[in-house]
Amino acid sequence: MRVAGVIRYTVLLLTLLGTWLMLQTYFQRSWRTISLRSWLGATKKPSSEKLPRYKCGNQKSCPQNYFAFKIISGAANVVGPSICFEDLVLMSNVKNNIGRGLNIALVNGTTGQLLKTDAFDMYSGDITKLQTFLQGIKRGTLVLVASYDDPATKMNDKVRAYFTELGSSDVATLGFRDNWVFLGAKGLMNKSPFEKHIKNDKETNKYDGWPELLEMEGCAPRKMD
């Protein structure tokens, strides 16, 4: 009996010892796994630093004494254009102050203050209205232009000459349903560096009957010379 009792106690002790070793091994591995995952997770946490946002959503900031702007032409005759200046949207669908043809915003070239916005339908009789508008622009005024649908059906030589005086190089060849974005100034001595123009060409048009939209952003100096 005594021998049998010793054997039973020995078996029980070995069983308890084996169970304890198994539990210890399990918890050590679990702890290492959790610790490793936690460490890896800590290294993968997204940075709390936000990317900088520049005026008008531009890719770069503008230096001192320069104005940030972004001009986007219309897309076909469906999506209207937008004009942003110093992080302020001057013309857009949301503001409900755009129209097919030419959309123009006038800004004080020294202070950056908005002076006027207007839209001119190049299908209708707005050409006389546009001539008067362009003729009245004062020296030192920045002129921001975005086309929508068609900018040139009834554009005449006089209007083209006014835009040329503002620094445009492409207005002379602007045609039916072309896309055009432009920033110039009254009194500009040289051609403006801020202009994009894409021709209406059925071989290359992105939309049915219209070229792709144009987008232009940059930094316009105060009192452009």
C-alpha atoms as a PDB file:
ATOM      1  CA  MET A   1       0.000   0.000   0.000  1.00  0.00           C
ATOM      2  CA  ARG A   2       2.760   2.367   0.894  1.00  0.00           C
ATOM      3  CA  VAL A   3       4.527   1.706  -2.397  1.00  0.00           C
ATOM      4  CA  ALA A   4       1.312   2.294  -4.339  1.00  0.00           C
ATOM      5  CA  GLY A   5       0.712   5.540  -2.444  1.00  0.00           C
ATOM      6  CA  VAL A   6       4.199   6.803  -3.217  1.00  0.00           C
ATOM      7  CA  ILE A   7       3.675   6.029  -6.886  1.00  0.00           C
ATOM      8  CA  ARG A   8       0.337   7.876  -6.925  1.00  0.00           C
ATOM      9  CA  TYR A   9       1.864  10.960  -5.263  1.00  0.00           C
ATOM     10  CA  THR A  10       4.827  10.822  -7.625  1.00  0.00           C
ATOM     11  CA  VAL A  11       2.540  10.663 -10.706  1.00  0.00           C
ATOM     12  CA  LEU A  12       0.443  13.556  -9.337  1.00  0.00           C
ATOM     13  CA  LEU A  13       3.550  15.638  -8.684  1.00  0.00           C
ATOM     14  CA  LEU A  14       4.902  14.986 -12.165  1.00  0.00           C
ATOM     15  CA  THR A  15       1.532  15.885 -13.695  1.00  0.00           C
ATOM     16  CA  LEU A  16       1.393  19.159 -11.752  1.00  0.00           C
ATOM     17  CA  LEU A  17       4.981  19.953 -12.668  1.00  0.00           C
ATOM     18  CA  GLY A  18       4.317  19.269 -16.382  1.00  0.00           C
ATOM     19  CA  THR A  19       1.196  21.410 -16.336  1.00  0.00           C
ATOM     20  CA  TRP A  20       3.092  24.262 -14.666  1.00  0.00           C
ATOM     21  CA  LEU A  21       5.869  24.091 -17.269  1.00  0.00           C
ATOM     22  CA  MET A  22       3.331  24.123 -20.114  1.00  0.00           C
ATOM     23  CA  LEU A  23       1.507  27.126 -18.678  1.00  0.00           C
ATOM     24  CA  GLN A  24       4.750  29.024 -18.102  1.00  0.00           C
ATOM     25  CA  THR A  25       5.889  28.376 -21.687  1.00  0.00           C
ATOM     26  CA  TYR A  26       2.513  29.465 -23.089  1.00  0.00           C
ATOM     27  CA  PHE A  27       2.399  32.740 -21.160  1.00  0.00           C
ATOM     28  CA  GLN A  28       5.996  33.591 -22.030  1.00  0.00           C
ATOM     29  CA  ARG A  29       5.297  33.084 -25.742  1.00  0.00           C
ATOM     30  CA  SER A  30       2.043  35.052 -25.541  1.00  0.00           C
ATOM     31  CA  TRP A  31       3.784  37.904 -23.760  1.00  0.00           C
ATOM     32  CA  ARG A  32       6.548  37.988 -26.374  1.00  0.00           C
ATOM     33  CA  THR A  33       4.000  37.901 -29.189  1.00  0.00           C
ATOM     34  CA  ILE A  34       1.916  40.687 -27.662  1.00  0.00           C
ATOM     35  CA  SER A  35       4.982  42.758 -26.927  1.00  0.00           C
ATOM     36  CA  LEU A  36       6.290  42.294 -30.465  1.00  0.00           C
ATOM     37  CA  ARG A  37       2.946  43.196 -32.021  1.00  0.00           C
ATOM     38  CA  SER A  38       2.620  46.207 -29.776  1.00  0.00           C
ATOM     39  CA  TRP A  39       6.080  47.357 -30.726  1.00  0.00           C
ATOM     40  CA  LEU A  40       5.385  46.868 -34.423  1.00  0.00           C
ATOM     41  CA  GLY A  41       2.078  48.633 -34.081  1.00  0.00           C
ATOM     42  CA  ALA A  42       3.750  51.569 -32.417  1.00  0.00           C
ATOM     43  CA  THR A  43       6.100  51.950 -35.366  1.00  0.00           C
ATOM     44  CA  LYS A  44       3.197  51.865 -37.846  1.00  0.00           C
ATOM     45  CA  LYS A  45       1.044  54.486 -36.197  1.00  0.00           C
ATOM     46  CA  PRO A  46       0.204  57.267 -38.665  1.00  0.00           C
ATOM     47  CA  SER A  47       2.026  60.484 -38.142  1.00  0.00           C
ATOM     48  CA  SER A  48       0.058  63.176 -36.372  1.00  0.00           C
ATOM     49  CA  GLU A  49       1.759  65.795 -38.538  1.00  0.00           C
ATOM     50  CA  LYS A  50      -0.542  67.175 -41.246  1.00  0.00           C
ATOM     51  CA  LEU A  51       0.683  68.150 -44.657  1.00  0.00           C
ATOM     52  CA  PRO A  52       0.708  71.933 -45.109  1.00  0.00           C
ATOM     53  CA  ARG A  53      -2.189  73.471 -47.005  1.00  0.00           C
ATOM     54  CA  TYR A  54      -1.379  76.383 -49.251  1.00  0.00           C
ATOM     55  CA  LYS A  55      -3.719  79.103 -50.456  1.00  0.00           C
ATOM     56  CA  CYS A  56      -6.244  78.023 -53.117  1.00  0.00           C
ATOM     57  CA  GLY A  57      -5.083  74.442 -52.548  1.00  0.00           C
ATOM     58  CA  ASN A  58      -1.935  75.119 -54.576  1.00  0.00           C
ATOM     59  CA  GLN A  59       1.064  72.803 -54.473  1.00  0.00           C
ATOM     60  CA  LYS A  60       3.444  75.516 -53.290  1.00  0.00           C
ATOM     61  CA  SER A  61       3.305  78.599 -51.126  1.00  0.00           C
ATOM     62  CA  CYS A  62       3.905  82.041 -52.580  1.00  0.00           C
ATOM     63  CA  PRO A  63       6.677  84.365 -51.390  1.00  0.00           C
ATOM     64  CA  GLN A  64       5.995  87.683 -49.776  1.00  0.00           C
ATOM     65  CA  ASN A  65       4.557  90.345 -52.100  1.00  0.00           C
ATOM     66  CA  TYR A  66       3.031  87.691 -54.356  1.00  0.00           C
ATOM     67  CA  PHE A  67      -0.599  86.654 -54.687  1.00  0.00           C
ATOM     68  CA  ALA A  68      -1.626  82.988 -54.856  1.00  0.00           C
ATOM     69  CA  PHE A  69      -4.165  82.104 -57.532  1.00  0.00           C
ATOM     70  CA  LYS A  70      -5.744  79.131 -59.254  1.00  0.00           C
ATOM     71  CA  ILE A  71      -7.868  79.274 -62.413  1.00  0.00           C
ATOM     72  CA  ILE A  72      -9.773  76.261 -63.744  1.00  0.00           C
ATOM     73  CA  SER A  73     -11.637  76.383 -67.045  1.00  0.00           C
ATOM     74  CA  GLY A  74     -15.016  74.797 -67.626  1.00  0.00           C
ATOM     75  CA  ALA A  75     -15.342  71.165 -68.666  1.00  0.00           C
ATOM     76  CA  ALA A  76     -17.331  71.007 -71.919  1.00  0.00           C
ATOM     77  CA  ASN A  77     -20.705  72.707 -71.304  1.00  0.00           C
ATOM     78  CA  VAL A  78     -21.384  70.726 -68.128  1.00  0.00           C
ATOM     79  CA  VAL A  79     -19.033  71.794 -65.326  1.00  0.00           C
ATOM     80  CA  GLY A  80     -18.383  75.484 -64.882  1.00  0.00           C
ATOM     81  CA  PRO A  81     -15.022  77.161 -64.228  1.00  0.00           C
ATOM     82  CA  SER A  82     -13.630  78.512 -60.978  1.00  0.00           C
ATOM     83  CA  ILE A  83     -11.299  81.344 -60.079  1.00  0.00           C
ATOM     84  CA  CYS A  84      -9.522  81.461 -56.707  1.00  0.00           C
ATOM     85  CA  PHE A  85      -7.352  84.340 -55.508  1.00  0.00           C
ATOM     86  CA  GLU A  86      -5.530  84.476 -52.165  1.00  0.00           C
ATOM     87  CA  ASP A  87      -7.589  81.522 -50.904  1.00  0.00           C
ATOM     88  CA  LEU A  88     -10.859  83.256 -51.761  1.00  0.00           C
ATOM     89  CA  VAL A  89     -13.067  81.754 -54.465  1.00  0.00           C
ATOM     90  CA  LEU A  90     -14.109  84.665 -56.661  1.00  0.00           C
ATOM     91  CA  MET A  91     -16.162  82.801 -59.271  1.00  0.00           C
ATOM     92  CA  SER A  92     -17.626  79.276 -59.305  1.00  0.00           C
ATOM     93  CA  ASN A  93     -20.743  77.159 -59.708  1.00  0.00           C
ATOM     94  CA  VAL A  94     -21.357  77.391 -55.986  1.00  0.00           C
ATOM     95  CA  LYS A  95     -21.245  81.187 -56.030  1.00  0.00           C
ATOM     96  CA  ASN A  96     -23.619  81.144 -59.006  1.00  0.00           C
ATOM     97  CA  ASN A  97     -21.760  83.947 -60.794  1.00  0.00           C
ATOM     98  CA  ILE A  98     -20.394  82.145 -63.856  1.00  0.00           C
ATOM     99  CA  GLY A  99     -21.707  81.701 -67.365  1.00  0.00           C
ATOM    100  CA  ARG A 100     -20.784  80.162 -70.696  1.00  0.00           C
ATOM    101  CA  GLY A 101     -18.233  82.202 -72.597  1.00  0.00           C
ATOM    102  CA  LEU A 102     -15.639  84.237 -70.696  1.00  0.00           C
ATOM    103  CA  ASN A 103     -15.628  84.583 -66.910  1.00  0.00           C
ATOM    104  CA  ILE A 104     -13.521  87.493 -65.712  1.00  0.00           C
ATOM    105  CA  ALA A 105     -12.476  88.721 -62.261  1.00  0.00           C
ATOM    106  CA  LEU A 106     -10.752  92.052 -61.683  1.00  0.00           C
ATOM    107  CA  VAL A 107      -8.470  92.427 -58.665  1.00  0.00           C
ATOM    108  CA  ASN A 108      -6.510  95.384 -57.321  1.00  0.00           C
ATOM    109  CA  GLY A 109      -2.890  94.592 -58.170  1.00  0.00           C
ATOM    110  CA  THR A 110      -1.581  96.289 -55.042  1.00  0.00           C
ATOM    111  CA  THR A 111      -3.994  95.285 -52.291  1.00  0.00           C
ATOM    112  CA  GLY A 112      -5.440  92.092 -53.754  1.00  0.00           C
ATOM    113  CA  GLN A 113      -8.977  93.399 -53.220  1.00  0.00           C
ATOM    114  CA  LEU A 114     -11.673  92.061 -55.526  1.00  0.00           C
ATOM    115  CA  LEU A 115     -13.000  94.830 -57.737  1.00  0.00           C
ATOM    116  CA  LYS A 116     -15.525  93.106 -59.988  1.00  0.00           C
ATOM    117  CA  THR A 117     -16.601  89.837 -61.577  1.00  0.00           C
ATOM    118  CA  ASP A 118     -18.645  89.276 -64.711  1.00  0.00           C
ATOM    119  CA  ALA A 119     -19.476  86.627 -67.307  1.00  0.00           C
ATOM    120  CA  PHE A 120     -19.815  87.276 -71.037  1.00  0.00           C
ATOM    121  CA  ASP A 121     -21.701  84.943 -73.360  1.00  0.00           C
ATOM    122  CA  MET A 122     -19.788  84.645 -76.630  1.00  0.00           C
ATOM    123  CA  TYR A 123     -22.794  83.089 -78.395  1.00  0.00           C
ATOM    124  CA  SER A 124     -24.978  86.118 -77.856  1.00  0.00           C
ATOM    125  CA  GLY A 125     -24.599  89.876 -78.103  1.00  0.00           C
ATOM    126  CA  ASP A 126     -22.348  90.269 -75.052  1.00  0.00           C
ATOM    127  CA  ILE A 127     -19.432  91.339 -77.242  1.00  0.00           C
ATOM    128  CA  THR A 128     -20.304  95.043 -76.927  1.00  0.00           C
ATOM    129  CA  LYS A 129     -20.680  94.636 -73.181  1.00  0.00           C
ATOM    130  CA  LEU A 130     -17.286  92.900 -73.058  1.00  0.00           C
ATOM    131  CA  GLN A 131     -15.625  95.689 -75.042  1.00  0.00           C
ATOM    132  CA  THR A 132     -16.920  98.283 -72.590  1.00  0.00           C
ATOM    133  CA  PHE A 133     -15.817  96.142 -69.655  1.00  0.00           C
ATOM    134  CA  LEU A 134     -12.265  95.702 -70.966  1.00  0.00           C
ATOM    135  CA  GLN A 135     -11.935  99.348 -71.967  1.00  0.00           C
ATOM    136  CA  GLY A 136     -12.771 100.460 -68.430  1.00  0.00           C
ATOM    137  CA  ILE A 137     -10.066  98.435 -66.689  1.00  0.00           C
ATOM    138  CA  LYS A 138      -7.693 100.717 -64.795  1.00  0.00           C
ATOM    139  CA  ARG A 139      -3.914 100.476 -64.832  1.00  0.00           C
ATOM    140  CA  GLY A 140      -2.502  98.127 -62.198  1.00  0.00           C
ATOM    141  CA  THR A 141      -5.554  95.856 -62.189  1.00  0.00           C
ATOM    142  CA  LEU A 142      -5.059  92.101 -62.342  1.00  0.00           C
ATOM    143  CA  VAL A 143      -7.356  90.328 -64.800  1.00  0.00           C
ATOM    144  CA  LEU A 144      -8.199  86.645 -64.274  1.00  0.00           C
ATOM    145  CA  VAL A 145     -10.034  84.806 -67.071  1.00  0.00           C
ATOM    146  CA  ALA A 146     -11.566  81.335 -67.367  1.00  0.00           C
ATOM    147  CA  SER A 147     -13.415  80.032 -70.419  1.00  0.00           C
ATOM    148  CA  TYR A 148     -16.553  77.901 -70.344  1.00  0.00           C
ATOM    149  CA  ASP A 149     -18.151  76.079 -73.284  1.00  0.00           C
ATOM    150  CA  ASP A 150     -17.105  78.575 -75.983  1.00  0.00           C
ATOM    151  CA  PRO A 151     -14.966  81.703 -75.527  1.00  0.00           C
ATOM    152  CA  ALA A 152     -14.640  83.030 -79.041  1.00  0.00           C
ATOM    153  CA  THR A 153     -17.617  82.604 -81.405  1.00  0.00           C
ATOM    154  CA  LYS A 154     -18.329  86.342 -81.625  1.00  0.00           C
ATOM    155  CA  MET A 155     -14.974  87.641 -80.415  1.00  0.00           C
ATOM    156  CA  ASN A 156     -13.808  90.476 -82.677  1.00  0.00           C
ATOM    157  CA  ASP A 157     -10.420  92.043 -83.360  1.00  0.00           C
ATOM    158  CA  LYS A 158     -11.040  94.880 -80.919  1.00  0.00           C
ATOM    159  CA  VAL A 159     -11.621  92.506 -78.007  1.00  0.00           C
ATOM    160  CA  ARG A 160      -8.580  90.463 -78.999  1.00  0.00           C
ATOM    161  CA  ALA A 161      -6.505  93.653 -79.012  1.00  0.00           C
ATOM    162  CA  TYR A 162      -7.668  94.511 -75.482  1.00  0.00           C
ATOM    163  CA  PHE A 163      -6.585  91.102 -74.203  1.00  0.00           C
ATOM    164  CA  THR A 164      -3.276  91.424 -76.034  1.00  0.00           C
ATOM    165  CA  GLU A 165      -2.681  94.702 -74.170  1.00  0.00           C
ATOM    166  CA  LEU A 166      -3.302  92.807 -70.930  1.00  0.00           C
ATOM    167  CA  GLY A 167      -0.449  90.435 -71.818  1.00  0.00           C
ATOM    168  CA  SER A 168      -2.150  87.589 -73.697  1.00  0.00           C
ATOM    169  CA  SER A 169      -0.216  85.713 -76.359  1.00  0.00           C
ATOM    170  CA  ASP A 170      -2.913  83.203 -77.304  1.00  0.00           C
ATOM    171  CA  VAL A 171      -6.039  85.324 -77.673  1.00  0.00           C
ATOM    172  CA  ALA A 172      -5.204  86.019 -81.316  1.00  0.00           C
ATOM    173  CA  THR A 173      -5.741  82.340 -82.171  1.00  0.00           C
ATOM    174  CA  LEU A 174      -8.558  81.632 -79.699  1.00  0.00           C
ATOM    175  CA  GLY A 175     -11.318  79.754 -81.526  1.00  0.00           C
ATOM    176  CA  PHE A 176     -14.682  78.037 -81.238  1.00  0.00           C
ATOM    177  CA  ARG A 177     -14.928  75.863 -78.101  1.00  0.00           C
ATOM    178  CA  ASP A 178     -11.256  76.243 -77.230  1.00  0.00           C
ATOM    179  CA  ASN A 179     -10.330  76.211 -73.539  1.00  0.00           C
ATOM    180  CA  TRP A 180      -8.433  79.175 -72.164  1.00  0.00           C
ATOM    181  CA  VAL A 181      -7.211  80.373 -68.772  1.00  0.00           C
ATOM    182  CA  PHE A 182      -5.308  83.600 -68.371  1.00  0.00           C
ATOM    183  CA  LEU A 183      -3.999  86.073 -65.809  1.00  0.00           C
ATOM    184  CA  GLY A 184      -2.788  89.438 -67.036  1.00  0.00           C
ATOM    185  CA  ALA A 185      -2.728  93.059 -65.955  1.00  0.00           C
ATOM    186  CA  LYS A 186      -3.520  96.474 -67.321  1.00  0.00           C
ATOM    187  CA  GLY A 187      -0.245  98.241 -67.993  1.00  0.00           C
ATOM    188  CA  LEU A 188       1.789  95.045 -68.293  1.00  0.00           C
ATOM    189  CA  MET A 189       4.934  95.818 -70.265  1.00  0.00           C
ATOM    190  CA  ASN A 190       5.626  92.211 -71.317  1.00  0.00           C
ATOM    191  CA  LYS A 191       3.652  89.110 -72.191  1.00  0.00           C
ATOM    192  CA  SER A 192       2.074  87.423 -69.208  1.00  0.00           C
ATOM    193  CA  PRO A 193       3.664  84.128 -68.097  1.00  0.00           C
ATOM    194  CA  PHE A 194       0.261  82.985 -66.818  1.00  0.00           C
ATOM    195  CA  GLU A 195      -1.690  81.603 -69.752  1.00  0.00           C
ATOM    196  CA  LYS A 196      -2.844  78.213 -71.058  1.00  0.00           C
ATOM    197  CA  HIS A 197      -4.758  77.458 -74.234  1.00  0.00           C
ATOM    198  CA  ILE A 198      -5.928  74.197 -75.771  1.00  0.00           C
ATOM    199  CA  LYS A 199      -7.568  73.965 -79.186  1.00  0.00           C
ATOM    200  CA  ASN A 200     -10.857  72.305 -79.966  1.00  0.00           C
ATOM    201  CA  ASP A 201      -9.750  69.354 -82.099  1.00  0.00           C
ATOM    202  CA  LYS A 202     -11.951  66.326 -82.723  1.00  0.00           C
ATOM    203  CA  GLU A 203      -8.842  64.140 -82.952  1.00  0.00           C
ATOM    204  CA  THR A 204      -7.608  65.051 -79.479  1.00  0.00           C
ATOM    205  CA  ASN A 205     -10.711  66.283 -77.601  1.00  0.00           C
ATOM    206  CA  LYS A 206     -11.304  64.600 -74.271  1.00  0.00           C
ATOM    207  CA  TYR A 207     -15.033  65.292 -74.341  1.00  0.00           C
ATOM    208  CA  ASP A 208     -17.450  65.009 -77.250  1.00  0.00           C
ATOM    209  CA  GLY A 209     -16.896  68.311 -79.040  1.00  0.00           C
ATOM    210  CA  TRP A 210     -14.711  69.928 -76.350  1.00  0.00           C
ATOM    211  CA  PRO A 211     -11.077  69.645 -75.242  1.00  0.00           C
ATOM    212  CA  GLU A 212     -10.106  68.745 -71.685  1.00  0.00           C
ATOM    213  CA  LEU A 213     -10.331  71.373 -68.966  1.00  0.00           C
ATOM    214  CA  LEU A 214      -7.340  73.519 -68.099  1.00  0.00           C
ATOM    215  CA  GLU A 215      -5.981  74.224 -64.636  1.00  0.00           C
ATOM    216  CA  MET A 216      -3.384  76.860 -63.840  1.00  0.00           C
ATOM    217  CA  GLU A 217      -1.969  77.917 -60.483  1.00  0.00           C
ATOM    218  CA  GLY A 218       0.834  80.228 -59.518  1.00  0.00           C
ATOM    219  CA  CYS A 219       2.053  83.341 -57.741  1.00  0.00           C
ATOM    220  CA  ALA A 220       1.323  86.729 -59.287  1.00  0.00           C
ATOM    221  CA  PRO A 221       3.553  89.608 -58.172  1.00  0.00           C
ATOM    222  CA  ARG A 222       1.985  92.764 -56.810  1.00  0.00           C
ATOM    223  CA  LYS A 223       1.968  95.535 -59.425  1.00  0.00           C
ATOM    224  CA  MET A 224       2.982  93.276 -62.334  1.00  0.00           C
ATOM    225  CA  ASP A 225       5.661  94.934 -64.492  1.00  0.00           C
END
